[in-house]
Amino acid sequence: MSAVIYHNPRCSTSRNALAMLREAGVEPEVVEYLKHPPTRERLSELIAGAGLQVRDAIRSKEAAYAELGLDDPMLDDAALLDAMVREPVLIQRPFVQTARGIRLGRPVELIREIL
């Protein structure tokens, strides 16, 4: 089975997701999204494929969230996506994609649904 994980090695949840994939016998393509952020189109695909709203995929506890005024409920999805692409630290993690679908591994157990 092929898989892709959008990974932050400093995040314990992301590390646990990667370990879960490997324990299941899957050696994923690892994309360190802080170094290689997804395009706006790809990020939109990941969010939609996981069945989420854009606000569900943004890290609201990051300093950049408040600094950029992203808590403004009047901001639309396009503005939020643009901010996430410019500041990838705002992207929730880890997104995992397999042939069976896409999940945001929060909680990490959700990834089992696509293994």
PDB file of N, CA and C in Angstrom:
ATOM      1  N   MET A   1       0.853  -1.178   0.000  1.00  0.00           N
ATOM      2  CA  MET A   1       0.000   0.000   0.000  1.00  0.00           C
ATOM      3  C   MET A   1       0.893   1.234   0.000  1.00  0.00           C
ATOM      4  N   SER A   2       0.555   2.175  -0.845  1.00  0.00           N
ATOM      5  CA  SER A   2       1.305   3.422  -0.852  1.00  0.00           C
ATOM      6  C   SER A   2       0.584   4.431   0.041  1.00  0.00           C
ATOM      7  N   ALA A   3       1.363   5.340   0.589  1.00  0.00           N
ATOM      8  CA  ALA A   3       0.810   6.361   1.476  1.00  0.00           C
ATOM      9  C   ALA A   3       1.715   7.581   1.449  1.00  0.00           C
ATOM     10  N   VAL A   4       1.112   8.711   1.796  1.00  0.00           N
ATOM     11  CA  VAL A   4       1.840   9.966   1.945  1.00  0.00           C
ATOM     12  C   VAL A   4       1.443  10.534   3.298  1.00  0.00           C
ATOM     13  N   ILE A   5       2.435  10.998   4.053  1.00  0.00           N
ATOM     14  CA  ILE A   5       2.149  11.670   5.316  1.00  0.00           C
ATOM     15  C   ILE A   5       2.767  13.061   5.262  1.00  0.00           C
ATOM     16  N   TYR A   6       1.959  14.053   5.599  1.00  0.00           N
ATOM     17  CA  TYR A   6       2.435  15.427   5.730  1.00  0.00           C
ATOM     18  C   TYR A   6       2.835  15.559   7.190  1.00  0.00           C
ATOM     19  N   HIS A   7       4.130  15.574   7.418  1.00  0.00           N
ATOM     20  CA  HIS A   7       4.735  15.275   8.705  1.00  0.00           C
ATOM     21  C   HIS A   7       5.547  16.432   9.250  1.00  0.00           C
ATOM     22  N   ASN A   8       5.491  16.579  10.573  1.00  0.00           N
ATOM     23  CA  ASN A   8       6.369  17.485  11.294  1.00  0.00           C
ATOM     24  C   ASN A   8       7.099  16.631  12.324  1.00  0.00           C
ATOM     25  N   PRO A   9       8.387  16.374  12.145  1.00  0.00           N
ATOM     26  CA  PRO A   9       9.106  15.489  13.047  1.00  0.00           C
ATOM     27  C   PRO A   9       9.173  15.989  14.493  1.00  0.00           C
ATOM     28  N   ARG A  10       8.881  17.247  14.728  1.00  0.00           N
ATOM     29  CA  ARG A  10       8.893  17.783  16.093  1.00  0.00           C
ATOM     30  C   ARG A  10       7.569  17.551  16.817  1.00  0.00           C
ATOM     31  N   CYS A  11       6.560  17.055  16.127  1.00  0.00           N
ATOM     32  CA  CYS A  11       5.225  16.857  16.697  1.00  0.00           C
ATOM     33  C   CYS A  11       5.050  15.391  17.102  1.00  0.00           C
ATOM     34  N   SER A  12       4.710  15.147  18.355  1.00  0.00           N
ATOM     35  CA  SER A  12       4.547  13.766  18.823  1.00  0.00           C
ATOM     36  C   SER A  12       3.391  13.068  18.119  1.00  0.00           C
ATOM     37  N   THR A  13       2.315  13.760  17.833  1.00  0.00           N
ATOM     38  CA  THR A  13       1.194  13.140  17.128  1.00  0.00           C
ATOM     39  C   THR A  13       1.623  12.715  15.731  1.00  0.00           C
ATOM     40  N   SER A  14       2.381  13.559  15.078  1.00  0.00           N
ATOM     41  CA  SER A  14       2.864  13.236  13.742  1.00  0.00           C
ATOM     42  C   SER A  14       3.838  12.052  13.787  1.00  0.00           C
ATOM     43  N   ARG A  15       4.714  12.038  14.774  1.00  0.00           N
ATOM     44  CA  ARG A  15       5.639  10.901  14.935  1.00  0.00           C
ATOM     45  C   ARG A  15       4.873   9.614  15.218  1.00  0.00           C
ATOM     46  N   ASN A  16       3.842   9.703  16.038  1.00  0.00           N
ATOM     47  CA  ASN A  16       3.028   8.520  16.336  1.00  0.00           C
ATOM     48  C   ASN A  16       2.299   8.016  15.094  1.00  0.00           C
ATOM     49  N   ALA A  17       1.830   8.926  14.259  1.00  0.00           N
ATOM     50  CA  ALA A  17       1.158   8.536  13.017  1.00  0.00           C
ATOM     51  C   ALA A  17       2.133   7.829  12.085  1.00  0.00           C
ATOM     52  N   LEU A  18       3.324   8.352  11.977  1.00  0.00           N
ATOM     53  CA  LEU A  18       4.337   7.726  11.128  1.00  0.00           C
ATOM     54  C   LEU A  18       4.668   6.332  11.654  1.00  0.00           C
ATOM     55  N   ALA A  19       4.806   6.198  12.964  1.00  0.00           N
ATOM     56  CA  ALA A  19       5.074   4.888  13.565  1.00  0.00           C
ATOM     57  C   ALA A  19       3.925   3.918  13.302  1.00  0.00           C
ATOM     58  N   MET A  20       2.681   4.407  13.382  1.00  0.00           N
ATOM     59  CA  MET A  20       1.518   3.563  13.125  1.00  0.00           C
ATOM     60  C   MET A  20       1.546   3.032  11.692  1.00  0.00           C
ATOM     61  N   LEU A  21       1.864   3.899  10.752  1.00  0.00           N
ATOM     62  CA  LEU A  21       1.947   3.471   9.358  1.00  0.00           C
ATOM     63  C   LEU A  21       3.007   2.388   9.190  1.00  0.00           C
ATOM     64  N   ARG A  22       4.156   2.618   9.760  1.00  0.00           N
ATOM     65  CA  ARG A  22       5.254   1.654   9.629  1.00  0.00           C
ATOM     66  C   ARG A  22       4.937   0.336  10.323  1.00  0.00           C
ATOM     67  N   GLU A  23       4.282   0.398  11.474  1.00  0.00           N
ATOM     68  CA  GLU A  23       3.876  -0.827  12.170  1.00  0.00           C
ATOM     69  C   GLU A  23       2.869  -1.619  11.358  1.00  0.00           C
ATOM     70  N   ALA A  24       2.102  -0.923  10.528  1.00  0.00           N
ATOM     71  CA  ALA A  24       1.130  -1.585   9.652  1.00  0.00           C
ATOM     72  C   ALA A  24       1.785  -2.088   8.367  1.00  0.00           C
ATOM     73  N   GLY A  25       3.096  -1.934   8.265  1.00  0.00           N
ATOM     74  CA  GLY A  25       3.822  -2.405   7.089  1.00  0.00           C
ATOM     75  C   GLY A  25       3.822  -1.437   5.925  1.00  0.00           C
ATOM     76  N   VAL A  26       3.483  -0.197   6.198  1.00  0.00           N
ATOM     77  CA  VAL A  26       3.427   0.828   5.156  1.00  0.00           C
ATOM     78  C   VAL A  26       4.621   1.761   5.332  1.00  0.00           C
ATOM     79  N   GLU A  27       5.422   1.888   4.295  1.00  0.00           N
ATOM     80  CA  GLU A  27       6.523   2.861   4.317  1.00  0.00           C
ATOM     81  C   GLU A  27       6.081   4.048   3.455  1.00  0.00           C
ATOM     82  N   PRO A  28       5.585   5.100   4.109  1.00  0.00           N
ATOM     83  CA  PRO A  28       5.006   6.215   3.360  1.00  0.00           C
ATOM     84  C   PRO A  28       6.044   7.151   2.764  1.00  0.00           C
ATOM     85  N   GLU A  29       5.587   7.910   1.795  1.00  0.00           N
ATOM     86  CA  GLU A  29       6.356   9.070   1.352  1.00  0.00           C
ATOM     87  C   GLU A  29       6.170  10.109   2.454  1.00  0.00           C
ATOM     88  N   VAL A  30       7.244  10.585   3.002  1.00  0.00           N
ATOM     89  CA  VAL A  30       7.190  11.549   4.100  1.00  0.00           C
ATOM     90  C   VAL A  30       7.459  12.940   3.535  1.00  0.00           C
ATOM     91  N   VAL A  31       6.474  13.809   3.678  1.00  0.00           N
ATOM     92  CA  VAL A  31       6.610  15.192   3.231  1.00  0.00           C
ATOM     93  C   VAL A  31       6.699  16.068   4.478  1.00  0.00           C
ATOM     94  N   GLU A  32       7.871  16.611   4.721  1.00  0.00           N
ATOM     95  CA  GLU A  32       8.022  17.546   5.835  1.00  0.00           C
ATOM     96  C   GLU A  32       7.438  18.878   5.365  1.00  0.00           C
ATOM     97  N   TYR A  33       6.174  19.077   5.692  1.00  0.00           N
ATOM     98  CA  TYR A  33       5.427  20.181   5.095  1.00  0.00           C
ATOM     99  C   TYR A  33       5.920  21.562   5.528  1.00  0.00           C
ATOM    100  N   LEU A  34       6.681  21.655   6.613  1.00  0.00           N
ATOM    101  CA  LEU A  34       7.236  22.965   6.962  1.00  0.00           C
ATOM    102  C   LEU A  34       8.368  23.346   6.015  1.00  0.00           C
ATOM    103  N   LYS A  35       9.068  22.334   5.494  1.00  0.00           N
ATOM    104  CA  LYS A  35      10.139  22.570   4.514  1.00  0.00           C
ATOM    105  C   LYS A  35       9.599  22.594   3.087  1.00  0.00           C
ATOM    106  N   HIS A  36       8.578  21.784   2.835  1.00  0.00           N
ATOM    107  CA  HIS A  36       7.994  21.634   1.497  1.00  0.00           C
ATOM    108  C   HIS A  36       6.477  21.733   1.610  1.00  0.00           C
ATOM    109  N   PRO A  37       5.956  22.936   1.792  1.00  0.00           N
ATOM    110  CA  PRO A  37       4.515  23.092   1.984  1.00  0.00           C
ATOM    111  C   PRO A  37       3.715  22.658   0.759  1.00  0.00           C
ATOM    112  N   PRO A  38       2.511  22.143   1.004  1.00  0.00           N
ATOM    113  CA  PRO A  38       1.660  21.800  -0.134  1.00  0.00           C
ATOM    114  C   PRO A  38       1.204  23.066  -0.852  1.00  0.00           C
ATOM    115  N   THR A  39       0.882  22.901  -2.112  1.00  0.00           N
ATOM    116  CA  THR A  39       0.303  24.020  -2.848  1.00  0.00           C
ATOM    117  C   THR A  39      -1.082  24.302  -2.275  1.00  0.00           C
ATOM    118  N   ARG A  40      -1.619  25.428  -2.622  1.00  0.00           N
ATOM    119  CA  ARG A  40      -2.973  25.778  -2.168  1.00  0.00           C
ATOM    120  C   ARG A  40      -3.971  24.736  -2.652  1.00  0.00           C
ATOM    121  N   GLU A  41      -3.815  24.326  -3.919  1.00  0.00           N
ATOM    122  CA  GLU A  41      -4.715  23.323  -4.477  1.00  0.00           C
ATOM    123  C   GLU A  41      -4.591  21.994  -3.726  1.00  0.00           C
ATOM    124  N   ARG A  42      -3.368  21.570  -3.457  1.00  0.00           N
ATOM    125  CA  ARG A  42      -3.154  20.304  -2.751  1.00  0.00           C
ATOM    126  C   ARG A  42      -3.695  20.376  -1.333  1.00  0.00           C
ATOM    127  N   LEU A  43      -3.465  21.484  -0.648  1.00  0.00           N
ATOM    128  CA  LEU A  43      -3.982  21.651   0.705  1.00  0.00           C
ATOM    129  C   LEU A  43      -5.502  21.586   0.709  1.00  0.00           C
ATOM    130  N   SER A  44      -6.119  22.230  -0.255  1.00  0.00           N
ATOM    131  CA  SER A  44      -7.569  22.192  -0.377  1.00  0.00           C
ATOM    132  C   SER A  44      -8.061  20.759  -0.602  1.00  0.00           C
ATOM    133  N   GLU A  45      -7.349  19.990  -1.431  1.00  0.00           N
ATOM    134  CA  GLU A  45      -7.696  18.580  -1.673  1.00  0.00           C
ATOM    135  C   GLU A  45      -7.589  17.755  -0.398  1.00  0.00           C
ATOM    136  N   LEU A  46      -6.529  17.977   0.372  1.00  0.00           N
ATOM    137  CA  LEU A  46      -6.342  17.229   1.620  1.00  0.00           C
ATOM    138  C   LEU A  46      -7.477  17.511   2.594  1.00  0.00           C
ATOM    139  N   ILE A  47      -7.816  18.773   2.746  1.00  0.00           N
ATOM    140  CA  ILE A  47      -8.859  19.171   3.684  1.00  0.00           C
ATOM    141  C   ILE A  47     -10.202  18.590   3.259  1.00  0.00           C
ATOM    142  N   ALA A  48     -10.559  18.770   1.992  1.00  0.00           N
ATOM    143  CA  ALA A  48     -11.834  18.257   1.492  1.00  0.00           C
ATOM    144  C   ALA A  48     -11.868  16.731   1.545  1.00  0.00           C
ATOM    145  N   GLY A  49     -10.762  16.098   1.166  1.00  0.00           N
ATOM    146  CA  GLY A  49     -10.700  14.643   1.171  1.00  0.00           C
ATOM    147  C   GLY A  49     -10.845  14.051   2.554  1.00  0.00           C
ATOM    148  N   ALA A  50     -10.428  14.795   3.568  1.00  0.00           N
ATOM    149  CA  ALA A  50     -10.563  14.340   4.949  1.00  0.00           C
ATOM    150  C   ALA A  50     -11.944  14.665   5.513  1.00  0.00           C
ATOM    151  N   GLY A  51     -12.778  15.322   4.701  1.00  0.00           N
ATOM    152  CA  GLY A  51     -14.128  15.661   5.145  1.00  0.00           C
ATOM    153  C   GLY A  51     -14.172  16.788   6.160  1.00  0.00           C
ATOM    154  N   LEU A  52     -13.197  17.687   6.081  1.00  0.00           N
ATOM    155  CA  LEU A  52     -13.102  18.785   7.037  1.00  0.00           C
ATOM    156  C   LEU A  52     -13.478  20.112   6.410  1.00  0.00           C
ATOM    157  N   GLN A  53     -13.762  21.049   7.262  1.00  0.00           N
ATOM    158  CA  GLN A  53     -13.874  22.446   6.865  1.00  0.00           C
ATOM    159  C   GLN A  53     -12.479  23.052   7.004  1.00  0.00           C
ATOM    160  N   VAL A  54     -12.204  24.123   6.289  1.00  0.00           N
ATOM    161  CA  VAL A  54     -10.882  24.733   6.342  1.00  0.00           C
ATOM    162  C   VAL A  54     -10.521  25.129   7.776  1.00  0.00           C
ATOM    163  N   ARG A  55     -11.454  25.686   8.507  1.00  0.00           N
ATOM    164  CA  ARG A  55     -11.160  26.089   9.899  1.00  0.00           C
ATOM    165  C   ARG A  55     -10.775  24.892  10.771  1.00  0.00           C
ATOM    166  N   ASP A  56     -11.252  23.692  10.432  1.00  0.00           N
ATOM    167  CA  ASP A  56     -10.900  22.486  11.189  1.00  0.00           C
ATOM    168  C   ASP A  56      -9.437  22.089  10.967  1.00  0.00           C
ATOM    169  N   ALA A  57      -8.835  22.582   9.912  1.00  0.00           N
ATOM    170  CA  ALA A  57      -7.487  22.179   9.529  1.00  0.00           C
ATOM    171  C   ALA A  57      -6.438  23.241   9.841  1.00  0.00           C
ATOM    172  N   ILE A  58      -6.841  24.264  10.580  1.00  0.00           N
ATOM    173  CA  ILE A  58      -5.899  25.333  10.905  1.00  0.00           C
ATOM    174  C   ILE A  58      -5.549  25.252  12.396  1.00  0.00           C
ATOM    175  N   ARG A  59      -4.300  25.493  12.679  1.00  0.00           N
ATOM    176  CA  ARG A  59      -3.810  25.449  14.063  1.00  0.00           C
ATOM    177  C   ARG A  59      -4.062  26.802  14.727  1.00  0.00           C
ATOM    178  N   SER A  60      -5.171  26.888  15.438  1.00  0.00           N
ATOM    179  CA  SER A  60      -5.577  28.164  16.023  1.00  0.00           C
ATOM    180  C   SER A  60      -4.735  28.565  17.235  1.00  0.00           C
ATOM    181  N   LYS A  61      -3.924  27.659  17.761  1.00  0.00           N
ATOM    182  CA  LYS A  61      -3.098  28.003  18.927  1.00  0.00           C
ATOM    183  C   LYS A  61      -1.716  28.533  18.533  1.00  0.00           C
ATOM    184  N   GLU A  62      -1.429  28.536  17.246  1.00  0.00           N
ATOM    185  CA  GLU A  62      -0.155  29.100  16.778  1.00  0.00           C
ATOM    186  C   GLU A  62      -0.198  30.622  16.892  1.00  0.00           C
ATOM    187  N   ALA A  63       0.934  31.206  17.248  1.00  0.00           N
ATOM    188  CA  ALA A  63       1.019  32.662  17.379  1.00  0.00           C
ATOM    189  C   ALA A  63       0.606  33.362  16.083  1.00  0.00           C
ATOM    190  N   ALA A  64       0.981  32.787  14.949  1.00  0.00           N
ATOM    191  CA  ALA A  64       0.658  33.402  13.654  1.00  0.00           C
ATOM    192  C   ALA A  64      -0.850  33.520  13.439  1.00  0.00           C
ATOM    193  N   TYR A  65      -1.623  32.633  14.036  1.00  0.00           N
ATOM    194  CA  TYR A  65      -3.079  32.671  13.896  1.00  0.00           C
ATOM    195  C   TYR A  65      -3.618  34.006  14.421  1.00  0.00           C
ATOM    196  N   ALA A  66      -3.219  34.357  15.616  1.00  0.00           N
ATOM    197  CA  ALA A  66      -3.675  35.622  16.204  1.00  0.00           C
ATOM    198  C   ALA A  66      -3.018  36.816  15.514  1.00  0.00           C
ATOM    199  N   GLU A  67      -1.732  36.701  15.241  1.00  0.00           N
ATOM    200  CA  GLU A  67      -1.001  37.801  14.614  1.00  0.00           C
ATOM    201  C   GLU A  67      -1.605  38.199  13.273  1.00  0.00           C
ATOM    202  N   LEU A  68      -2.104  37.210  12.540  1.00  0.00           N
ATOM    203  CA  LEU A  68      -2.681  37.473  11.212  1.00  0.00           C
ATOM    204  C   LEU A  68      -4.182  37.757  11.269  1.00  0.00           C
ATOM    205  N   GLY A  69      -4.745  37.750  12.469  1.00  0.00           N
ATOM    206  CA  GLY A  69      -6.176  38.032  12.619  1.00  0.00           C
ATOM    207  C   GLY A  69      -7.073  36.948  12.039  1.00  0.00           C
ATOM    208  N   LEU A  70      -6.599  35.715  12.050  1.00  0.00           N
ATOM    209  CA  LEU A  70      -7.360  34.631  11.439  1.00  0.00           C
ATOM    210  C   LEU A  70      -8.552  34.179  12.267  1.00  0.00           C
ATOM    211  N   ASP A  71      -8.676  34.711  13.458  1.00  0.00           N
ATOM    212  CA  ASP A  71      -9.843  34.399  14.283  1.00  0.00           C
ATOM    213  C   ASP A  71     -11.076  35.190  13.850  1.00  0.00           C
ATOM    214  N   ASP A  72     -10.925  36.069  12.888  1.00  0.00           N
ATOM    215  CA  ASP A  72     -12.029  36.870  12.369  1.00  0.00           C
ATOM    216  C   ASP A  72     -13.015  35.948  11.655  1.00  0.00           C
ATOM    217  N   PRO A  73     -14.226  35.804  12.179  1.00  0.00           N
ATOM    218  CA  PRO A  73     -15.199  34.892  11.558  1.00  0.00           C
ATOM    219  C   PRO A  73     -15.645  35.321  10.159  1.00  0.00           C
ATOM    220  N   MET A  74     -15.325  36.555   9.778  1.00  0.00           N
ATOM    221  CA  MET A  74     -15.702  37.034   8.454  1.00  0.00           C
ATOM    222  C   MET A  74     -14.734  36.555   7.362  1.00  0.00           C
ATOM    223  N   LEU A  75     -13.572  36.023   7.764  1.00  0.00           N
ATOM    224  CA  LEU A  75     -12.621  35.526   6.770  1.00  0.00           C
ATOM    225  C   LEU A  75     -13.177  34.273   6.110  1.00  0.00           C
ATOM    226  N   ASP A  76     -13.085  34.234   4.801  1.00  0.00           N
ATOM    227  CA  ASP A  76     -13.591  33.065   4.080  1.00  0.00           C
ATOM    228  C   ASP A  76     -12.496  32.000   3.943  1.00  0.00           C
ATOM    229  N   ASP A  77     -12.893  30.838   3.409  1.00  0.00           N
ATOM    230  CA  ASP A  77     -11.957  29.725   3.248  1.00  0.00           C
ATOM    231  C   ASP A  77     -10.754  30.101   2.391  1.00  0.00           C
ATOM    232  N   ALA A  78     -10.982  30.899   1.368  1.00  0.00           N
ATOM    233  CA  ALA A  78      -9.885  31.296   0.481  1.00  0.00           C
ATOM    234  C   ALA A  78      -8.813  32.058   1.257  1.00  0.00           C
ATOM    235  N   ALA A  79      -9.224  32.976   2.114  1.00  0.00           N
ATOM    236  CA  ALA A  79      -8.269  33.751   2.906  1.00  0.00           C
ATOM    237  C   ALA A  79      -7.517  32.851   3.879  1.00  0.00           C
ATOM    238  N   LEU A  80      -8.213  31.902   4.471  1.00  0.00           N
ATOM    239  CA  LEU A  80      -7.565  30.974   5.406  1.00  0.00           C
ATOM    240  C   LEU A  80      -6.572  30.075   4.682  1.00  0.00           C
ATOM    241  N   LEU A  81      -6.964  29.560   3.512  1.00  0.00           N
ATOM    242  CA  LEU A  81      -6.041  28.728   2.731  1.00  0.00           C
ATOM    243  C   LEU A  81      -4.799  29.513   2.334  1.00  0.00           C
ATOM    244  N   ASP A  82      -4.986  30.745   1.898  1.00  0.00           N
ATOM    245  CA  ASP A  82      -3.847  31.583   1.524  1.00  0.00           C
ATOM    246  C   ASP A  82      -2.893  31.746   2.703  1.00  0.00           C
ATOM    247  N   ALA A  83      -3.438  31.977   3.893  1.00  0.00           N
ATOM    248  CA  ALA A  83      -2.608  32.147   5.086  1.00  0.00           C
ATOM    249  C   ALA A  83      -1.863  30.861   5.413  1.00  0.00           C
ATOM    250  N   MET A  84      -2.515  29.729   5.261  1.00  0.00           N
ATOM    251  CA  MET A  84      -1.889  28.437   5.574  1.00  0.00           C
ATOM    252  C   MET A  84      -0.759  28.115   4.601  1.00  0.00           C
ATOM    253  N   VAL A  85      -0.917  28.502   3.357  1.00  0.00           N
ATOM    254  CA  VAL A  85       0.132  28.269   2.367  1.00  0.00           C
ATOM    255  C   VAL A  85       1.332  29.185   2.642  1.00  0.00           C
ATOM    256  N   ARG A  86       1.048  30.437   3.001  1.00  0.00           N
ATOM    257  CA  ARG A  86       2.129  31.386   3.319  1.00  0.00           C
ATOM    258  C   ARG A  86       2.838  31.021   4.625  1.00  0.00           C
ATOM    259  N   GLU A  87       2.080  30.519   5.587  1.00  0.00           N
ATOM    260  CA  GLU A  87       2.600  30.178   6.920  1.00  0.00           C
ATOM    261  C   GLU A  87       2.242  28.721   7.220  1.00  0.00           C
ATOM    262  N   PRO A  88       2.995  27.759   6.679  1.00  0.00           N
ATOM    263  CA  PRO A  88       2.613  26.344   6.823  1.00  0.00           C
ATOM    264  C   PRO A  88       2.556  25.851   8.267  1.00  0.00           C
ATOM    265  N   VAL A  89       3.132  26.589   9.204  1.00  0.00           N
ATOM    266  CA  VAL A  89       3.023  26.207  10.610  1.00  0.00           C
ATOM    267  C   VAL A  89       1.554  26.203  11.051  1.00  0.00           C
ATOM    268  N   LEU A  90       0.695  26.877  10.300  1.00  0.00           N
ATOM    269  CA  LEU A  90      -0.733  26.937  10.615  1.00  0.00           C
ATOM    270  C   LEU A  90      -1.492  25.675  10.201  1.00  0.00           C
ATOM    271  N   ILE A  91      -0.871  24.804   9.439  1.00  0.00           N
ATOM    272  CA  ILE A  91      -1.549  23.595   8.950  1.00  0.00           C
ATOM    273  C   ILE A  91      -1.563  22.539  10.049  1.00  0.00           C
ATOM    274  N   GLN A  92      -2.758  22.037  10.350  1.00  0.00           N
ATOM    275  CA  GLN A  92      -2.872  20.921  11.301  1.00  0.00           C
ATOM    276  C   GLN A  92      -2.117  19.734  10.746  1.00  0.00           C
ATOM    277  N   ARG A  93      -1.677  18.872  11.619  1.00  0.00           N
ATOM    278  CA  ARG A  93      -0.903  17.711  11.209  1.00  0.00           C
ATOM    279  C   ARG A  93      -1.272  16.527  12.064  1.00  0.00           C
ATOM    280  N   PRO A  94      -1.016  15.376  11.554  1.00  0.00           N
ATOM    281  CA  PRO A  94      -0.528  15.006  10.229  1.00  0.00           C
ATOM    282  C   PRO A  94      -1.681  14.637   9.302  1.00  0.00           C
ATOM    283  N   PHE A  95      -1.613  15.075   8.080  1.00  0.00           N
ATOM    284  CA  PHE A  95      -2.519  14.575   7.050  1.00  0.00           C
ATOM    285  C   PHE A  95      -1.875  13.323   6.482  1.00  0.00           C
ATOM    286  N   VAL A  96      -2.679  12.279   6.300  1.00  0.00           N
ATOM    287  CA  VAL A  96      -2.201  11.022   5.719  1.00  0.00           C
ATOM    288  C   VAL A  96      -3.144  10.650   4.585  1.00  0.00           C
ATOM    289  N   GLN A  97      -2.556  10.253   3.456  1.00  0.00           N
ATOM    290  CA  GLN A  97      -3.350   9.801   2.317  1.00  0.00           C
ATOM    291  C   GLN A  97      -2.881   8.420   1.901  1.00  0.00           C
ATOM    292  N   THR A  98      -3.862   7.529   1.719  1.00  0.00           N
ATOM    293  CA  THR A  98      -3.616   6.209   1.145  1.00  0.00           C
ATOM    294  C   THR A  98      -4.631   6.029   0.022  1.00  0.00           C
ATOM    295  N   ALA A  99      -4.596   4.877  -0.615  1.00  0.00           N
ATOM    296  CA  ALA A  99      -5.576   4.584  -1.663  1.00  0.00           C
ATOM    297  C   ALA A  99      -6.997   4.536  -1.099  1.00  0.00           C
ATOM    298  N   ARG A 100      -7.116   4.364   0.205  1.00  0.00           N
ATOM    299  CA  ARG A 100      -8.432   4.259   0.851  1.00  0.00           C
ATOM    300  C   ARG A 100      -8.976   5.600   1.326  1.00  0.00           C
ATOM    301  N   GLY A 101      -8.191   6.683   1.178  1.00  0.00           N
ATOM    302  CA  GLY A 101      -8.706   7.989   1.562  1.00  0.00           C
ATOM    303  C   GLY A 101      -7.673   8.868   2.222  1.00  0.00           C
ATOM    304  N   ILE A 102      -8.176   9.960   2.796  1.00  0.00           N
ATOM    305  CA  ILE A 102      -7.344  10.961   3.470  1.00  0.00           C
ATOM    306  C   ILE A 102      -7.918  11.173   4.864  1.00  0.00           C
ATOM    307  N   ARG A 103      -7.017  11.267   5.838  1.00  0.00           N
ATOM    308  CA  ARG A 103      -7.430  11.575   7.196  1.00  0.00           C
ATOM    309  C   ARG A 103      -6.444  12.556   7.812  1.00  0.00           C
ATOM    310  N   LEU A 104      -6.974  13.398   8.676  1.00  0.00           N
ATOM    311  CA  LEU A 104      -6.141  14.210   9.550  1.00  0.00           C
ATOM    312  C   LEU A 104      -6.012  13.394  10.827  1.00  0.00           C
ATOM    313  N   GLY A 105      -4.806  13.060  11.192  1.00  0.00           N
ATOM    314  CA  GLY A 105      -4.566  12.179  12.326  1.00  0.00           C
ATOM    315  C   GLY A 105      -4.702  12.850  13.673  1.00  0.00           C
ATOM    316  N   ARG A 106      -5.828  13.459  13.916  1.00  0.00           N
ATOM    317  CA  ARG A 106      -6.152  14.052  15.215  1.00  0.00           C
ATOM    318  C   ARG A 106      -7.542  13.599  15.592  1.00  0.00           C
ATOM    319  N   PRO A 107      -7.682  12.565  16.369  1.00  0.00           N
ATOM    320  CA  PRO A 107      -6.634  11.759  16.985  1.00  0.00           C
ATOM    321  C   PRO A 107      -6.000  10.803  15.969  1.00  0.00           C
ATOM    322  N   VAL A 108      -4.823  10.344  16.314  1.00  0.00           N
ATOM    323  CA  VAL A 108      -4.036   9.515  15.400  1.00  0.00           C
ATOM    324  C   VAL A 108      -4.775   8.230  15.001  1.00  0.00           C
ATOM    325  N   GLU A 109      -5.670   7.761  15.839  1.00  0.00           N
ATOM    326  CA  GLU A 109      -6.421   6.526  15.560  1.00  0.00           C
ATOM    327  C   GLU A 109      -7.268   6.637  14.293  1.00  0.00           C
ATOM    328  N   LEU A 110      -7.605   7.845  13.873  1.00  0.00           N
ATOM    329  CA  LEU A 110      -8.392   8.022  12.648  1.00  0.00           C
ATOM    330  C   LEU A 110      -7.679   7.465  11.420  1.00  0.00           C
ATOM    331  N   ILE A 111      -6.363   7.384  11.484  1.00  0.00           N
ATOM    332  CA  ILE A 111      -5.592   6.895  10.350  1.00  0.00           C
ATOM    333  C   ILE A 111      -5.892   5.420  10.080  1.00  0.00           C
ATOM    334  N   ARG A 112      -6.263   4.682  11.118  1.00  0.00           N
ATOM    335  CA  ARG A 112      -6.596   3.257  10.940  1.00  0.00           C
ATOM    336  C   ARG A 112      -7.713   3.066   9.912  1.00  0.00           C
ATOM    337  N   GLU A 113      -8.596   4.054   9.789  1.00  0.00           N
ATOM    338  CA  GLU A 113      -9.716   3.959   8.849  1.00  0.00           C
ATOM    339  C   GLU A 113      -9.259   3.835   7.403  1.00  0.00           C
ATOM    340  N   ILE A 114      -8.058   4.286   7.106  1.00  0.00           N
ATOM    341  CA  ILE A 114      -7.589   4.262   5.710  1.00  0.00           C
ATOM    342  C   ILE A 114      -6.434   3.294   5.490  1.00  0.00           C
ATOM    343  N   LEU A 115      -6.170   2.451   6.474  1.00  0.00           N
ATOM    344  CA  LEU A 115      -5.118   1.428   6.314  1.00  0.00           C
ATOM    345  C   LEU A 115      -5.715   0.134   5.814  1.00  0.00           C
TER     346      LEU A 115
END
